[in-house]
mmCIF file of all heavy atoms, coordinates in Angstrom:
data_MODEL
# 
_entry.id   MODEL 
# 
loop_
_atom_site.group_PDB 
_atom_site.id 
_atom_site.type_symbol 
_atom_site.label_atom_id 
_atom_site.label_alt_id 
_atom_site.label_comp_id 
_atom_site.label_asym_id 
_atom_site.label_entity_id 
_atom_site.label_seq_id 
_atom_site.pdbx_PDB_ins_code 
_atom_site.Cartn_x 
_atom_site.Cartn_y 
_atom_site.Cartn_z 
_atom_site.occupancy 
_atom_site.B_iso_or_equiv 
_atom_site.pdbx_formal_charge 
_atom_site.auth_seq_id 
_atom_site.auth_comp_id 
_atom_site.auth_asym_id 
_atom_site.auth_atom_id 
_atom_site.pdbx_PDB_model_num 
ATOM 1   N N   . PRO A 1 1  ? 3.132  -13.720 -1.061  1.00 0.00 ? 1  PRO A N   1 
ATOM 2   C CA  . PRO A 1 1  ? 3.181  -14.175 -2.447  1.00 0.00 ? 1  PRO A CA  1 
ATOM 3   C C   . PRO A 1 1  ? 3.542  -13.036 -3.398  1.00 0.00 ? 1  PRO A C   1 
ATOM 4   O O   . PRO A 1 1  ? 3.134  -11.894 -3.205  1.00 0.00 ? 1  PRO A O   1 
ATOM 5   C CB  . PRO A 1 1  ? 1.771  -14.673 -2.714  1.00 0.00 ? 1  PRO A CB  1 
ATOM 6   C CG  . PRO A 1 1  ? 0.915  -14.007 -1.700  1.00 0.00 ? 1  PRO A CG  1 
ATOM 7   C CD  . PRO A 1 1  ? 1.795  -13.748 -0.512  1.00 0.00 ? 1  PRO A CD  1 
ATOM 8   N N   . LEU A 1 2  ? 4.337  -13.361 -4.423  1.00 0.00 ? 2  LEU A N   1 
ATOM 9   C CA  . LEU A 1 2  ? 4.712  -12.340 -5.418  1.00 0.00 ? 2  LEU A CA  1 
ATOM 10  C C   . LEU A 1 2  ? 3.547  -12.019 -6.334  1.00 0.00 ? 2  LEU A C   1 
ATOM 11  O O   . LEU A 1 2  ? 3.407  -10.894 -6.782  1.00 0.00 ? 2  LEU A O   1 
ATOM 12  C CB  . LEU A 1 2  ? 5.925  -12.810 -6.225  1.00 0.00 ? 2  LEU A CB  1 
ATOM 13  C CG  . LEU A 1 2  ? 7.213  -12.950 -5.431  1.00 0.00 ? 2  LEU A CG  1 
ATOM 14  C CD1 . LEU A 1 2  ? 8.307  -13.515 -6.311  1.00 0.00 ? 2  LEU A CD1 1 
ATOM 15  C CD2 . LEU A 1 2  ? 7.616  -11.636 -4.814  1.00 0.00 ? 2  LEU A CD2 1 
ATOM 16  N N   . LYS A 1 3  ? 2.742  -13.023 -6.613  1.00 0.00 ? 3  LYS A N   1 
ATOM 17  C CA  . LYS A 1 3  ? 1.553  -12.796 -7.441  1.00 0.00 ? 3  LYS A CA  1 
ATOM 18  C C   . LYS A 1 3  ? 0.342  -12.998 -6.547  1.00 0.00 ? 3  LYS A C   1 
ATOM 19  O O   . LYS A 1 3  ? 0.216  -14.002 -5.869  1.00 0.00 ? 3  LYS A O   1 
ATOM 20  C CB  . LYS A 1 3  ? 1.501  -13.769 -8.611  1.00 0.00 ? 3  LYS A CB  1 
ATOM 21  C CG  . LYS A 1 3  ? 2.607  -13.521 -9.612  1.00 0.00 ? 3  LYS A CG  1 
ATOM 22  C CD  . LYS A 1 3  ? 2.473  -14.425 -10.795 1.00 0.00 ? 3  LYS A CD  1 
ATOM 23  C CE  . LYS A 1 3  ? 3.561  -14.112 -11.781 1.00 0.00 ? 3  LYS A CE  1 
ATOM 24  N NZ  . LYS A 1 3  ? 3.442  -14.912 -13.011 1.00 0.00 ? 3  LYS A NZ  1 
ATOM 25  N N   . SER A 1 4  ? -0.515 -11.993 -6.533  1.00 0.00 ? 4  SER A N   1 
ATOM 26  C CA  . SER A 1 4  ? -1.673 -12.083 -5.673  1.00 0.00 ? 4  SER A CA  1 
ATOM 27  C C   . SER A 1 4  ? -2.906 -11.688 -6.450  1.00 0.00 ? 4  SER A C   1 
ATOM 28  O O   . SER A 1 4  ? -2.824 -11.173 -7.566  1.00 0.00 ? 4  SER A O   1 
ATOM 29  C CB  . SER A 1 4  ? -1.495 -11.163 -4.464  1.00 0.00 ? 4  SER A CB  1 
ATOM 30  O OG  . SER A 1 4  ? -1.347 -9.847  -4.872  1.00 0.00 ? 4  SER A OG  1 
ATOM 31  N N   . ASN A 1 5  ? -4.051 -11.860 -5.806  1.00 0.00 ? 5  ASN A N   1 
ATOM 32  C CA  . ASN A 1 5  ? -5.286 -11.440 -6.504  1.00 0.00 ? 5  ASN A CA  1 
ATOM 33  C C   . ASN A 1 5  ? -5.327 -9.915  -6.575  1.00 0.00 ? 5  ASN A C   1 
ATOM 34  O O   . ASN A 1 5  ? -4.617 -9.212  -5.874  1.00 0.00 ? 5  ASN A O   1 
ATOM 35  C CB  . ASN A 1 5  ? -6.529 -12.051 -5.845  1.00 0.00 ? 5  ASN A CB  1 
ATOM 36  C CG  . ASN A 1 5  ? -6.751 -11.527 -4.459  1.00 0.00 ? 5  ASN A CG  1 
ATOM 37  O OD1 . ASN A 1 5  ? -6.416 -10.404 -4.145  1.00 0.00 ? 5  ASN A OD1 1 
ATOM 38  N ND2 . ASN A 1 5  ? -7.338 -12.333 -3.597  1.00 0.00 ? 5  ASN A ND2 1 
ATOM 39  N N   . SER A 1 6  ? -6.173 -9.393  -7.416  1.00 0.00 ? 6  SER A N   1 
ATOM 40  C CA  . SER A 1 6  ? -6.205 -7.950  -7.690  1.00 0.00 ? 6  SER A CA  1 
ATOM 41  C C   . SER A 1 6  ? -6.580 -7.129  -6.446  1.00 0.00 ? 6  SER A C   1 
ATOM 42  O O   . SER A 1 6  ? -6.130 -5.993  -6.287  1.00 0.00 ? 6  SER A O   1 
ATOM 43  C CB  . SER A 1 6  ? -7.132 -7.627  -8.826  1.00 0.00 ? 6  SER A CB  1 
ATOM 44  O OG  . SER A 1 6  ? -8.443 -8.040  -8.508  1.00 0.00 ? 6  SER A OG  1 
ATOM 45  N N   . ALA A 1 7  ? -7.416 -7.667  -5.569  1.00 0.00 ? 7  ALA A N   1 
ATOM 46  C CA  . ALA A 1 7  ? -7.828 -6.917  -4.365  1.00 0.00 ? 7  ALA A CA  1 
ATOM 47  C C   . ALA A 1 7  ? -6.618 -6.659  -3.481  1.00 0.00 ? 7  ALA A C   1 
ATOM 48  O O   . ALA A 1 7  ? -6.429 -5.538  -2.988  1.00 0.00 ? 7  ALA A O   1 
ATOM 49  C CB  . ALA A 1 7  ? -8.897 -7.659  -3.620  1.00 0.00 ? 7  ALA A CB  1 
ATOM 50  N N   . ILE A 1 8  ? -5.817 -7.673  -3.247  1.00 0.00 ? 8  ILE A N   1 
ATOM 51  C CA  . ILE A 1 8  ? -4.644 -7.506  -2.390  1.00 0.00 ? 8  ILE A CA  1 
ATOM 52  C C   . ILE A 1 8  ? -3.625 -6.607  -3.073  1.00 0.00 ? 8  ILE A C   1 
ATOM 53  O O   . ILE A 1 8  ? -3.042 -5.728  -2.447  1.00 0.00 ? 8  ILE A O   1 
ATOM 54  C CB  . ILE A 1 8  ? -4.018 -8.873  -2.047  1.00 0.00 ? 8  ILE A CB  1 
ATOM 55  C CG1 . ILE A 1 8  ? -4.973 -9.679  -1.166  1.00 0.00 ? 8  ILE A CG1 1 
ATOM 56  C CG2 . ILE A 1 8  ? -2.678 -8.698  -1.356  1.00 0.00 ? 8  ILE A CG2 1 
ATOM 57  C CD1 . ILE A 1 8  ? -4.530 -11.088 -0.907  1.00 0.00 ? 8  ILE A CD1 1 
ATOM 58  N N   . ALA A 1 9  ? -3.458 -6.767  -4.373  1.00 0.00 ? 9  ALA A N   1 
ATOM 59  C CA  . ALA A 1 9  ? -2.498 -5.936  -5.106  1.00 0.00 ? 9  ALA A CA  1 
ATOM 60  C C   . ALA A 1 9  ? -2.895 -4.459  -5.051  1.00 0.00 ? 9  ALA A C   1 
ATOM 61  O O   . ALA A 1 9  ? -2.073 -3.588  -4.860  1.00 0.00 ? 9  ALA A O   1 
ATOM 62  C CB  . ALA A 1 9  ? -2.411 -6.405  -6.551  1.00 0.00 ? 9  ALA A CB  1 
ATOM 63  N N   . SER A 1 10 ? -4.200 -4.171  -5.197  1.00 0.00 ? 10 SER A N   1 
ATOM 64  C CA  . SER A 1 10 ? -4.626 -2.763  -5.157  1.00 0.00 ? 10 SER A CA  1 
ATOM 65  C C   . SER A 1 10 ? -4.452 -2.172  -3.781  1.00 0.00 ? 10 SER A C   1 
ATOM 66  O O   . SER A 1 10 ? -4.135 -1.011  -3.638  1.00 0.00 ? 10 SER A O   1 
ATOM 67  C CB  . SER A 1 10 ? -6.078 -2.643  -5.631  1.00 0.00 ? 10 SER A CB  1 
ATOM 68  O OG  . SER A 1 10 ? -6.949 -3.313  -4.735  1.00 0.00 ? 10 SER A OG  1 
ATOM 69  N N   . GLN A 1 11 ? -4.640 -2.974  -2.725  1.00 0.00 ? 11 GLN A N   1 
ATOM 70  C CA  . GLN A 1 11 ? -4.414 -2.493  -1.349  1.00 0.00 ? 11 GLN A CA  1 
ATOM 71  C C   . GLN A 1 11 ? -2.929 -2.186  -1.174  1.00 0.00 ? 11 GLN A C   1 
ATOM 72  O O   . GLN A 1 11 ? -2.570 -1.188  -0.579  1.00 0.00 ? 11 GLN A O   1 
ATOM 73  C CB  . GLN A 1 11 ? -4.856 -3.535  -0.336  1.00 0.00 ? 11 GLN A CB  1 
ATOM 74  C CG  . GLN A 1 11 ? -6.327 -3.677  -0.220  1.00 0.00 ? 11 GLN A CG  1 
ATOM 75  C CD  . GLN A 1 11 ? -6.711 -4.801  0.751   1.00 0.00 ? 11 GLN A CD  1 
ATOM 76  O OE1 . GLN A 1 11 ? -5.879 -5.580  1.178   1.00 0.00 ? 11 GLN A OE1 1 
ATOM 77  N NE2 . GLN A 1 11 ? -7.979 -4.858  1.090   1.00 0.00 ? 11 GLN A NE2 1 
ATOM 78  N N   . THR A 1 12 ? -2.055 -3.033  -1.684  1.00 0.00 ? 12 THR A N   1 
ATOM 79  C CA  . THR A 1 12 ? -0.612 -2.834  -1.564  1.00 0.00 ? 12 THR A CA  1 
ATOM 80  C C   . THR A 1 12 ? -0.208 -1.558  -2.268  1.00 0.00 ? 12 THR A C   1 
ATOM 81  O O   . THR A 1 12 ? 0.548  -0.739  -1.768  1.00 0.00 ? 12 THR A O   1 
ATOM 82  C CB  . THR A 1 12 ? 0.147  -4.033  -2.153  1.00 0.00 ? 12 THR A CB  1 
ATOM 83  O OG1 . THR A 1 12 ? -0.275 -5.201  -1.474  1.00 0.00 ? 12 THR A OG1 1 
ATOM 84  C CG2 . THR A 1 12 ? 1.647  -3.855  -1.979  1.00 0.00 ? 12 THR A CG2 1 
ATOM 85  N N   . ILE A 1 13 ? -0.749 -1.319  -3.471  1.00 0.00 ? 13 ILE A N   1 
ATOM 86  C CA  . ILE A 1 13 ? -0.421 -0.104  -4.212  1.00 0.00 ? 13 ILE A CA  1 
ATOM 87  C C   . ILE A 1 13 ? -0.936 1.117   -3.473  1.00 0.00 ? 13 ILE A C   1 
ATOM 88  O O   . ILE A 1 13 ? -0.246 2.110   -3.345  1.00 0.00 ? 13 ILE A O   1 
ATOM 89  C CB  . ILE A 1 13 ? -1.015 -0.182  -5.636  1.00 0.00 ? 13 ILE A CB  1 
ATOM 90  C CG1 . ILE A 1 13 ? -0.270 -1.255  -6.435  1.00 0.00 ? 13 ILE A CG1 1 
ATOM 91  C CG2 . ILE A 1 13 ? -0.945 1.164   -6.336  1.00 0.00 ? 13 ILE A CG2 1 
ATOM 92  C CD1 . ILE A 1 13 ? -0.909 -1.591  -7.738  1.00 0.00 ? 13 ILE A CD1 1 
ATOM 93  N N   . ALA A 1 14 ? -2.142 1.046   -2.923  1.00 0.00 ? 14 ALA A N   1 
ATOM 94  C CA  . ALA A 1 14 ? -2.701 2.176   -2.188  1.00 0.00 ? 14 ALA A CA  1 
ATOM 95  C C   . ALA A 1 14 ? -1.842 2.521   -0.980  1.00 0.00 ? 14 ALA A C   1 
ATOM 96  O O   . ALA A 1 14 ? -1.598 3.681   -0.687  1.00 0.00 ? 14 ALA A O   1 
ATOM 97  C CB  . ALA A 1 14 ? -4.127 1.892   -1.763  1.00 0.00 ? 14 ALA A CB  1 
ATOM 98  N N   . ILE A 1 15 ? -1.358 1.505   -0.272  1.00 0.00 ? 15 ILE A N   1 
ATOM 99  C CA  . ILE A 1 15 ? -0.505 1.753   0.894   1.00 0.00 ? 15 ILE A CA  1 
ATOM 100 C C   . ILE A 1 15 ? 0.816  2.374   0.445   1.00 0.00 ? 15 ILE A C   1 
ATOM 101 O O   . ILE A 1 15 ? 1.306  3.317   1.059   1.00 0.00 ? 15 ILE A O   1 
ATOM 102 C CB  . ILE A 1 15 ? -0.264 0.442   1.657   1.00 0.00 ? 15 ILE A CB  1 
ATOM 103 C CG1 . ILE A 1 15 ? -1.573 -0.012  2.325   1.00 0.00 ? 15 ILE A CG1 1 
ATOM 104 C CG2 . ILE A 1 15 ? 0.826  0.603   2.692   1.00 0.00 ? 15 ILE A CG2 1 
ATOM 105 C CD1 . ILE A 1 15 ? -1.533 -1.402  2.898   1.00 0.00 ? 15 ILE A CD1 1 
ATOM 106 N N   . ALA A 1 16 ? 1.393  1.880   -0.633  1.00 0.00 ? 16 ALA A N   1 
ATOM 107 C CA  . ALA A 1 16 ? 2.671  2.378   -1.103  1.00 0.00 ? 16 ALA A CA  1 
ATOM 108 C C   . ALA A 1 16 ? 2.568  3.816   -1.585  1.00 0.00 ? 16 ALA A C   1 
ATOM 109 O O   . ALA A 1 16 ? 3.523  4.577   -1.486  1.00 0.00 ? 16 ALA A O   1 
ATOM 110 C CB  . ALA A 1 16 ? 3.198  1.494   -2.217  1.00 0.00 ? 16 ALA A CB  1 
ATOM 111 N N   . GLU A 1 17 ? 1.426  4.244   -2.079  1.00 0.00 ? 17 GLU A N   1 
ATOM 112 C CA  . GLU A 1 17 ? 1.279  5.592   -2.603  1.00 0.00 ? 17 GLU A CA  1 
ATOM 113 C C   . GLU A 1 17 ? 1.009  6.642   -1.534  1.00 0.00 ? 17 GLU A C   1 
ATOM 114 O O   . GLU A 1 17 ? 1.150  7.813   -1.787  1.00 0.00 ? 17 GLU A O   1 
ATOM 115 C CB  . GLU A 1 17 ? 0.156  5.628   -3.624  1.00 0.00 ? 17 GLU A CB  1 
ATOM 116 C CG  . GLU A 1 17 ? 0.489  4.867   -4.902  1.00 0.00 ? 17 GLU A CG  1 
ATOM 117 C CD  . GLU A 1 17 ? -0.660 4.820   -5.873  1.00 0.00 ? 17 GLU A CD  1 
ATOM 118 O OE1 . GLU A 1 17 ? -1.770 5.275   -5.524  1.00 0.00 ? 17 GLU A OE1 1 
ATOM 119 O OE2 . GLU A 1 17 ? -0.456 4.318   -6.976  1.00 0.00 ? 17 GLU A OE2 1 
ATOM 120 N N   . SER A 1 18 ? 0.610  6.225   -0.337  1.00 0.00 ? 18 SER A N   1 
ATOM 121 C CA  . SER A 1 18 ? 0.291  7.215   0.692   1.00 0.00 ? 18 SER A CA  1 
ATOM 122 C C   . SER A 1 18 ? 1.081  6.946   1.984   1.00 0.00 ? 18 SER A C   1 
ATOM 123 O O   . SER A 1 18 ? 0.519  6.503   2.974   1.00 0.00 ? 18 SER A O   1 
ATOM 124 C CB  . SER A 1 18 ? -1.194 7.196   0.989   1.00 0.00 ? 18 SER A CB  1 
ATOM 125 O OG  . SER A 1 18 ? -1.576 5.904   1.426   1.00 0.00 ? 18 SER A OG  1 
ATOM 126 N N   . PRO A 1 19 ? 2.386  7.222   1.958   1.00 0.00 ? 19 PRO A N   1 
ATOM 127 C CA  . PRO A 1 19 ? 3.172  7.002   3.178   1.00 0.00 ? 19 PRO A CA  1 
ATOM 128 C C   . PRO A 1 19 ? 2.792  8.017   4.268   1.00 0.00 ? 19 PRO A C   1 
ATOM 129 O O   . PRO A 1 19 ? 2.360  9.130   3.968   1.00 0.00 ? 19 PRO A O   1 
ATOM 130 C CB  . PRO A 1 19 ? 4.611  7.231   2.726   1.00 0.00 ? 19 PRO A CB  1 
ATOM 131 C CG  . PRO A 1 19 ? 4.488  8.129   1.561   1.00 0.00 ? 19 PRO A CG  1 
ATOM 132 C CD  . PRO A 1 19 ? 3.178  7.769   0.898   1.00 0.00 ? 19 PRO A CD  1 
ATOM 133 N N   . THR A 1 20 ? 2.930  7.601   5.485   1.00 0.00 ? 20 THR A N   1 
ATOM 134 C CA  . THR A 1 20 ? 2.621  8.471   6.610   1.00 0.00 ? 20 THR A CA  1 
ATOM 135 C C   . THR A 1 20 ? 3.755  9.476   6.810   1.00 0.00 ? 20 THR A C   1 
ATOM 136 O O   . THR A 1 20 ? 4.915  9.105   6.836   1.00 0.00 ? 20 THR A O   1 
ATOM 137 C CB  . THR A 1 20 ? 2.424  7.655   7.902   1.00 0.00 ? 20 THR A CB  1 
ATOM 138 O OG1 . THR A 1 20 ? 1.377  6.721   7.665   1.00 0.00 ? 20 THR A OG1 1 
ATOM 139 C CG2 . THR A 1 20 ? 2.094  8.539   9.084   1.00 0.00 ? 20 THR A CG2 1 
ATOM 140 N N   . ASP A 1 21 ? 3.399  10.730  6.913   1.00 0.00 ? 21 ASP A N   1 
ATOM 141 C CA  . ASP A 1 21 ? 4.408  11.775  7.188   1.00 0.00 ? 21 ASP A CA  1 
ATOM 142 C C   . ASP A 1 21 ? 4.704  11.725  8.673   1.00 0.00 ? 21 ASP A C   1 
ATOM 143 O O   . ASP A 1 21 ? 3.838  12.011  9.496   1.00 0.00 ? 21 ASP A O   1 
ATOM 144 C CB  . ASP A 1 21 ? 3.857  13.133  6.769   1.00 0.00 ? 21 ASP A CB  1 
ATOM 145 C CG  . ASP A 1 21 ? 4.902  14.222  6.819   1.00 0.00 ? 21 ASP A CG  1 
ATOM 146 O OD1 . ASP A 1 21 ? 5.953  14.034  7.478   1.00 0.00 ? 21 ASP A OD1 1 
ATOM 147 O OD2 . ASP A 1 21 ? 4.678  15.264  6.209   1.00 0.00 ? 21 ASP A OD2 1 
ATOM 148 N N   . ILE A 1 22 ? 5.920  11.367  9.016   1.00 0.00 ? 22 ILE A N   1 
ATOM 149 C CA  . ILE A 1 22 ? 6.306  11.248  10.425  1.00 0.00 ? 22 ILE A CA  1 
ATOM 150 C C   . ILE A 1 22 ? 6.148  12.562  11.153  1.00 0.00 ? 22 ILE A C   1 
ATOM 151 O O   . ILE A 1 22 ? 5.829  12.604  12.323  1.00 0.00 ? 22 ILE A O   1 
ATOM 152 C CB  . ILE A 1 22 ? 7.738  10.692  10.534  1.00 0.00 ? 22 ILE A CB  1 
ATOM 153 C CG1 . ILE A 1 22 ? 7.791  9.281   10.005  1.00 0.00 ? 22 ILE A CG1 1 
ATOM 154 C CG2 . ILE A 1 22 ? 8.243  10.763  11.973  1.00 0.00 ? 22 ILE A CG2 1 
ATOM 155 C CD1 . ILE A 1 22 ? 9.156  8.681   9.964   1.00 0.00 ? 22 ILE A CD1 1 
ATOM 156 N N   . ARG A 1 23 ? 6.330  13.668  10.408  1.00 0.00 ? 23 ARG A N   1 
ATOM 157 C CA  . ARG A 1 23 ? 6.155  14.974  11.046  1.00 0.00 ? 23 ARG A CA  1 
ATOM 158 C C   . ARG A 1 23 ? 4.747  15.154  11.577  1.00 0.00 ? 23 ARG A C   1 
ATOM 159 O O   . ARG A 1 23 ? 4.539  15.733  12.630  1.00 0.00 ? 23 ARG A O   1 
ATOM 160 C CB  . ARG A 1 23 ? 6.483  16.095  10.052  1.00 0.00 ? 23 ARG A CB  1 
ATOM 161 C CG  . ARG A 1 23 ? 7.938  16.084  9.609   1.00 0.00 ? 23 ARG A CG  1 
ATOM 162 C CD  . ARG A 1 23 ? 8.214  17.087  8.543   1.00 0.00 ? 23 ARG A CD  1 
ATOM 163 N NE  . ARG A 1 23 ? 7.320  16.841  7.413   1.00 0.00 ? 23 ARG A NE  1 
ATOM 164 C CZ  . ARG A 1 23 ? 6.987  17.793  6.528   1.00 0.00 ? 23 ARG A CZ  1 
ATOM 165 N NH1 . ARG A 1 23 ? 7.454  19.010  6.628   1.00 0.00 ? 23 ARG A NH1 1 
ATOM 166 N NH2 . ARG A 1 23 ? 6.184  17.521  5.535   1.00 0.00 ? 23 ARG A NH2 1 
ATOM 167 N N   . TRP A 1 24 ? 3.746  14.627  10.837  1.00 0.00 ? 24 TRP A N   1 
ATOM 168 C CA  . TRP A 1 24 ? 2.370  14.770  11.299  1.00 0.00 ? 24 TRP A CA  1 
ATOM 169 C C   . TRP A 1 24 ? 2.121  13.918  12.549  1.00 0.00 ? 24 TRP A C   1 
ATOM 170 O O   . TRP A 1 24 ? 1.362  14.301  13.423  1.00 0.00 ? 24 TRP A O   1 
ATOM 171 C CB  . TRP A 1 24 ? 1.368  14.440  10.198  1.00 0.00 ? 24 TRP A CB  1 
ATOM 172 C CG  . TRP A 1 24 ? 0.023  14.866  10.637  1.00 0.00 ? 24 TRP A CG  1 
ATOM 173 C CD1 . TRP A 1 24 ? -1.009 14.093  11.018  1.00 0.00 ? 24 TRP A CD1 1 
ATOM 174 C CD2 . TRP A 1 24 ? -0.431 16.219  10.838  1.00 0.00 ? 24 TRP A CD2 1 
ATOM 175 N NE1 . TRP A 1 24 ? -2.096 14.862  11.432  1.00 0.00 ? 24 TRP A NE1 1 
ATOM 176 C CE2 . TRP A 1 24 ? -1.748 16.160  11.328  1.00 0.00 ? 24 TRP A CE2 1 
ATOM 177 C CE3 . TRP A 1 24 ? 0.162  17.460  10.654  1.00 0.00 ? 24 TRP A CE3 1 
ATOM 178 C CZ2 . TRP A 1 24 ? -2.474 17.307  11.615  1.00 0.00 ? 24 TRP A CZ2 1 
ATOM 179 C CZ3 . TRP A 1 24 ? -0.565 18.593  10.943  1.00 0.00 ? 24 TRP A CZ3 1 
ATOM 180 C CH2 . TRP A 1 24 ? -1.879 18.507  11.416  1.00 0.00 ? 24 TRP A CH2 1 
ATOM 181 N N   . LEU A 1 25 ? 2.799  12.791  12.645  1.00 0.00 ? 25 LEU A N   1 
ATOM 182 C CA  . LEU A 1 25 ? 2.694  11.983  13.880  1.00 0.00 ? 25 LEU A CA  1 
ATOM 183 C C   . LEU A 1 25 ? 3.200  12.782  15.088  1.00 0.00 ? 25 LEU A C   1 
ATOM 184 O O   . LEU A 1 25 ? 2.628  12.705  16.172  1.00 0.00 ? 25 LEU A O   1 
ATOM 185 C CB  . LEU A 1 25 ? 3.465  10.684  13.744  1.00 0.00 ? 25 LEU A CB  1 
ATOM 186 C CG  . LEU A 1 25 ? 2.938  9.696   12.684  1.00 0.00 ? 25 LEU A CG  1 
ATOM 187 C CD1 . LEU A 1 25 ? 3.858  8.493   12.560  1.00 0.00 ? 25 LEU A CD1 1 
ATOM 188 C CD2 . LEU A 1 25 ? 1.527  9.273   12.992  1.00 0.00 ? 25 LEU A CD2 1 
# 
């Protein structure tokens, strides 16, 4: 969904702000 509740939206923002550095993998 394009519009979601705030809990899902905050999780999405948190994921987008902390990408995994492939070098560390």
